C-alpha atoms as a PDB file:
ATOM      1  CA  MET A   1       0.150  -0.355  -0.563  1.00  0.00           C
ATOM      2  CA  THR A   2       1.574   3.097  -0.708  1.00  0.00           C
ATOM      3  CA  GLU A   3       1.399   6.225   1.693  1.00  0.00           C
ATOM      4  CA  ARG A   4      -0.606   9.060   1.298  1.00  0.00           C
ATOM      5  CA  THR A   5       1.162  12.558   1.070  1.00  0.00           C
ATOM      6  CA  VAL A   6       0.283  15.120   3.223  1.00  0.00           C
ATOM      7  CA  PHE A   7      -2.045  16.833   0.960  1.00  0.00           C
ATOM      8  CA  GLN A   8      -4.650  13.504   0.044  1.00  0.00           C
ATOM      9  CA  SER A   9      -4.805  12.937   3.809  1.00  0.00           C
ATOM     10  CA  MET A  10      -6.151  16.602   4.610  1.00  0.00           C
ATOM     11  CA  SER A  11      -9.438  16.272   6.361  1.00  0.00           C
ATOM     12  CA  GLN A  12     -10.005  19.874   5.714  1.00  0.00           C
ATOM     13  CA  ARG A  13      -9.484  21.466   2.179  1.00  0.00           C
ATOM     14  CA  HIS A  14      -9.875  25.179   2.612  1.00  0.00           C
ATOM     15  CA  VAL A  15      -7.481  27.744   3.782  1.00  0.00           C
ATOM     16  CA  VAL A  16      -8.583  29.152   7.547  1.00  0.00           C
ATOM     17  CA  SER A  17      -6.659  33.075   8.009  1.00  0.00           C
ATOM     18  CA  LEU A  18      -6.801  36.177   9.395  1.00  0.00           C
ATOM     19  CA  PRO A  19      -4.698  39.078   8.864  1.00  0.00           C
ATOM     20  CA  PRO A  20      -1.905  40.079  11.237  1.00  0.00           C
ATOM     21  CA  HIS A  21      -4.358  42.787  13.204  1.00  0.00           C
ATOM     22  CA  ALA A  22      -6.858  40.218  14.044  1.00  0.00           C
ATOM     23  CA  SER A  23      -7.591  40.123  17.416  1.00  0.00           C
ATOM     24  CA  VAL A  24      -7.365  36.761  19.102  1.00  0.00           C
ATOM     25  CA  TRP A  25     -10.238  36.900  20.018  1.00  0.00           C
ATOM     26  CA  GLU A  26     -11.576  37.194  16.309  1.00  0.00           C
ATOM     27  CA  ALA A  27      -8.586  33.965  15.759  1.00  0.00           C
ATOM     28  CA  ALA A  28     -10.515  31.900  18.558  1.00  0.00           C
ATOM     29  CA  CYS A  29     -13.887  32.550  16.828  1.00  0.00           C
ATOM     30  CA  VAL A  30     -12.705  31.322  13.795  1.00  0.00           C
ATOM     31  CA  MET A  31     -11.388  28.584  14.601  1.00  0.00           C
ATOM     32  CA  THR A  32     -13.755  27.141  16.517  1.00  0.00           C
ATOM     33  CA  LYS A  33     -16.587  28.206  13.870  1.00  0.00           C
ATOM     34  CA  ALA A  34     -14.341  25.914  11.407  1.00  0.00           C
ATOM     35  CA  ASN A  35     -13.788  23.335  13.967  1.00  0.00           C
ATOM     36  CA  CYS A  36     -10.188  23.726  13.520  1.00  0.00           C
ATOM     37  CA  GLY A  37      -7.173  23.857  15.835  1.00  0.00           C
ATOM     38  CA  SER A  38      -4.958  26.558  13.749  1.00  0.00           C
ATOM     39  CA  VAL A  39      -5.904  29.919  11.865  1.00  0.00           C
ATOM     40  CA  LEU A  40      -2.659  31.044   9.152  1.00  0.00           C
ATOM     41  CA  ILE A  41      -2.141  34.648   9.716  1.00  0.00           C
ATOM     42  CA  LEU A  42      -1.819  36.134   6.101  1.00  0.00           C
ATOM     43  CA  GLU A  43      -0.571  39.639   4.535  1.00  0.00           C
ATOM     44  CA  ALA A  44      -3.207  41.298   2.340  1.00  0.00           C
ATOM     45  CA  SER A  45      -0.888  39.779  -0.399  1.00  0.00           C
ATOM     46  CA  GLY A  46      -1.583  36.610   0.641  1.00  0.00           C
ATOM     47  CA  ALA A  47       1.747  35.894   1.895  1.00  0.00           C
ATOM     48  CA  MET A  48       1.823  33.685   5.252  1.00  0.00           C
ATOM     49  CA  VAL A  49       4.014  35.642   8.099  1.00  0.00           C
ATOM     50  CA  GLY A  50       2.435  32.976  10.673  1.00  0.00           C
ATOM     51  CA  ILE A  51       0.225  30.750  11.997  1.00  0.00           C
ATOM     52  CA  LEU A  52      -1.475  30.841  15.586  1.00  0.00           C
ATOM     53  CA  THR A  53      -2.849  27.485  17.154  1.00  0.00           C
ATOM     54  CA  GLU A  54      -5.076  26.056  20.215  1.00  0.00           C
ATOM     55  CA  ARG A  55      -1.432  25.740  22.228  1.00  0.00           C
ATOM     56  CA  ASP A  56      -0.563  28.934  21.114  1.00  0.00           C
ATOM     57  CA  LEU A  57      -3.760  30.420  22.744  1.00  0.00           C
ATOM     58  CA  MET A  58      -3.267  28.503  25.515  1.00  0.00           C
ATOM     59  CA  THR A  59       0.598  29.283  26.825  1.00  0.00           C
ATOM     60  CA  ARG A  60       0.882  32.688  25.161  1.00  0.00           C
ATOM     61  CA  VAL A  61      -2.322  34.366  25.962  1.00  0.00           C
ATOM     62  CA  LEU A  62      -4.668  32.202  28.694  1.00  0.00           C
ATOM     63  CA  ALA A  63      -1.351  31.262  30.895  1.00  0.00           C
ATOM     64  CA  LYS A  64      -0.413  35.496  30.537  1.00  0.00           C
ATOM     65  CA  ALA A  65      -3.765  36.811  31.285  1.00  0.00           C
ATOM     66  CA  LEU A  66      -3.374  38.670  28.315  1.00  0.00           C
ATOM     67  CA  ASN A  67      -7.026  39.964  27.208  1.00  0.00           C
ATOM     68  CA  PRO A  68      -8.196  38.024  23.742  1.00  0.00           C
ATOM     69  CA  GLN A  69     -10.113  41.124  22.262  1.00  0.00           C
ATOM     70  CA  THR A  70      -6.564  43.787  22.398  1.00  0.00           C
ATOM     71  CA  THR A  71      -3.826  41.354  21.381  1.00  0.00           C
ATOM     72  CA  LYS A  72      -3.037  40.748  18.216  1.00  0.00           C
ATOM     73  CA  VAL A  73      -2.278  37.417  16.690  1.00  0.00           C
ATOM     74  CA  SER A  74       0.807  39.256  14.955  1.00  0.00           C
ATOM     75  CA  GLU A  75       2.039  39.324  19.058  1.00  0.00           C
ATOM     76  CA  VAL A  76       1.420  35.686  19.907  1.00  0.00           C
ATOM     77  CA  MET A  77       1.604  33.668  16.510  1.00  0.00           C
ATOM     78  CA  THR A  78       4.923  31.636  15.280  1.00  0.00           C
ATOM     79  CA  HIS A  79       6.140  33.865  12.890  1.00  0.00           C
ATOM     80  CA  ASP A  80       7.322  32.080   9.873  1.00  0.00           C
ATOM     81  CA  PRO A  81       6.004  28.776  10.218  1.00  0.00           C
ATOM     82  CA  GLN A  82       7.846  25.413   8.305  1.00  0.00           C
ATOM     83  CA  SER A  83       5.501  24.193   5.918  1.00  0.00           C
ATOM     84  CA  VAL A  84       5.971  21.531   3.265  1.00  0.00           C
ATOM     85  CA  GLY A  85       5.184  20.464  -0.169  1.00  0.00           C
ATOM     86  CA  PRO A  86       1.882  18.846  -1.221  1.00  0.00           C
ATOM     87  CA  ASP A  87       3.581  15.769  -2.103  1.00  0.00           C
ATOM     88  CA  THR A  88       5.379  15.477   0.966  1.00  0.00           C
ATOM     89  CA  LYS A  89       4.620  11.684   2.668  1.00  0.00           C
ATOM     90  CA  VAL A  90       2.476  11.790   6.102  1.00  0.00           C
ATOM     91  CA  SER A  91       4.980  10.119   8.131  1.00  0.00           C
ATOM     92  CA  GLU A  92       7.797  12.635   6.559  1.00  0.00           C
ATOM     93  CA  ALA A  93       5.462  15.141   8.490  1.00  0.00           C
ATOM     94  CA  VAL A  94       4.754  13.707  11.050  1.00  0.00           C
ATOM     95  CA  LEU A  95       8.407  12.828  11.851  1.00  0.00           C
ATOM     96  CA  ILE A  96       8.908  16.784  11.239  1.00  0.00           C
ATOM     97  CA  MET A  97       6.509  17.378  14.064  1.00  0.00           C
ATOM     98  CA  ILE A  98       7.640  15.258  16.282  1.00  0.00           C
ATOM     99  CA  GLU A  99      11.409  16.074  16.149  1.00  0.00           C
ATOM    100  CA  ARG A 100      10.290  20.221  16.036  1.00  0.00           C
ATOM    101  CA  GLY A 101       7.553  19.868  18.934  1.00  0.00           C
ATOM    102  CA  PHE A 102       4.512  21.224  16.543  1.00  0.00           C
ATOM    103  CA  ARG A 103       0.954  19.749  15.738  1.00  0.00           C
ATOM    104  CA  HIS A 104       0.045  21.903  12.737  1.00  0.00           C
ATOM    105  CA  LEU A 105       2.292  22.194   9.488  1.00  0.00           C
ATOM    106  CA  PRO A 106       0.814  24.878   6.096  1.00  0.00           C
ATOM    107  CA  ILE A 107       1.324  23.024   2.925  1.00  0.00           C
ATOM    108  CA  VAL A 108       2.340  25.571   0.372  1.00  0.00           C
ATOM    109  CA  THR A 109       3.296  24.554  -3.195  1.00  0.00           C
ATOM    110  CA  PRO A 110       6.299  25.336  -4.646  1.00  0.00           C
ATOM    111  CA  ALA A 111       4.502  28.796  -6.566  1.00  0.00           C
ATOM    112  CA  ALA A 112       3.544  29.698  -2.616  1.00  0.00           C
ATOM    113  CA  LYS A 113      -0.075  28.668  -3.068  1.00  0.00           C
ATOM    114  CA  ILE A 114      -0.993  27.863   0.057  1.00  0.00           C
ATOM    115  CA  LEU A 115      -3.556  24.850   0.207  1.00  0.00           C
ATOM    116  CA  GLY A 116      -4.430  24.683   3.977  1.00  0.00           C
ATOM    117  CA  VAL A 117      -2.305  22.829   7.225  1.00  0.00           C
ATOM    118  CA  PHE A 118      -2.219  19.340   7.934  1.00  0.00           C
ATOM    119  CA  SER A 119      -2.677  18.374  11.291  1.00  0.00           C
ATOM    120  CA  VAL A 120      -1.604  15.383  13.359  1.00  0.00           C
ATOM    121  CA  ARG A 121      -4.967  14.415  13.662  1.00  0.00           C
ATOM    122  CA  ASP A 122      -4.731  13.756   9.776  1.00  0.00           C
ATOM    123  CA  ALA A 123      -2.121  11.110   9.741  1.00  0.00           C
ATOM    124  CA  LEU A 124      -3.409   7.328  10.237  1.00  0.00           C
ATOM    125  CA  PRO A 125      -2.117   5.454  12.974  1.00  0.00           C
ATOM    126  CA  ARG A 126       0.178   3.370  10.876  1.00  0.00           C
ATOM    127  CA  GLU A 127       1.407   6.929   9.488  1.00  0.00           C
ATOM    128  CA  ILE A 128       2.263   7.834  12.835  1.00  0.00           C
ATOM    129  CA  GLY A 129       4.038   4.716  13.739  1.00  0.00           C
ATOM    130  CA  ALA A 130       6.012   5.080  10.800  1.00  0.00           C
ATOM    131  CA  ALA A 131       7.478   8.635  12.037  1.00  0.00           C
ATOM    132  CA  VAL A 132       8.086   7.455  15.846  1.00  0.00           C
ATOM    133  CA  SER A 133       9.991   4.586  14.446  1.00  0.00           C
ATOM    134  CA  LEU A 134      11.773   6.778  12.267  1.00  0.00           C
ATOM    135  CA  ALA A 135      12.549   9.614  14.678  1.00  0.00           C
ATOM    136  CA  GLU A 136      13.460   6.806  17.318  1.00  0.00           C
ATOM    137  CA  PHE A 137      15.798   5.103  14.410  1.00  0.00           C
ATOM    138  CA  ASN A 138      17.368   9.085  14.164  1.00  0.00           C
ATOM    139  CA  ASP A 139      18.179   9.217  17.902  1.00  0.00           C
ATOM    140  CA  GLN A 140      19.812   6.253  17.877  1.00  0.00           C
ATOM    141  CA  VAL A 141      22.045   7.293  15.265  1.00  0.00           C
ATOM    142  CA  ASN A 142      22.771  10.557  16.587  1.00  0.00           C
ATOM    143  CA  ASP A 143      23.253   8.669  20.164  1.00  0.00           C
ATOM    144  CA  ALA A 144      26.024   6.544  18.469  1.00  0.00           C
ATOM    145  CA  LEU A 145      27.806   9.248  16.471  1.00  0.00           C
ATOM    146  CA  GLY A 146      27.782  11.422  19.606  1.00  0.00           C
END
């Protein structure tokens, strides 16, 4: 069985986005309405400048007692998030997430068109297992090499 790509596995095919000047409150409302765990932050030109996730809301807003109605997403977003191409294998994307410690990965074409966001929730257990095995192998090689 051939492995799926991140584009094939995406549960939502539309881009949920806001401009950098939007409030965290607006972001939470958009994410709730779209039933998703992240929102891409795009300039008026369509260029991606960041991503705001559920975890960001918890750790960068709520835990710091910031006012979500006055805090701008640009103040708490992850700037210039890593992205992958639509043909990236799911296990490769999950490996990136494991190694870098995040759960959402924007999918962007070579021509810089944003196709959506791959979430670890979009991966099947066998794909996650393959990524975990590869991460463990990488750790063993790194330990052996010192």
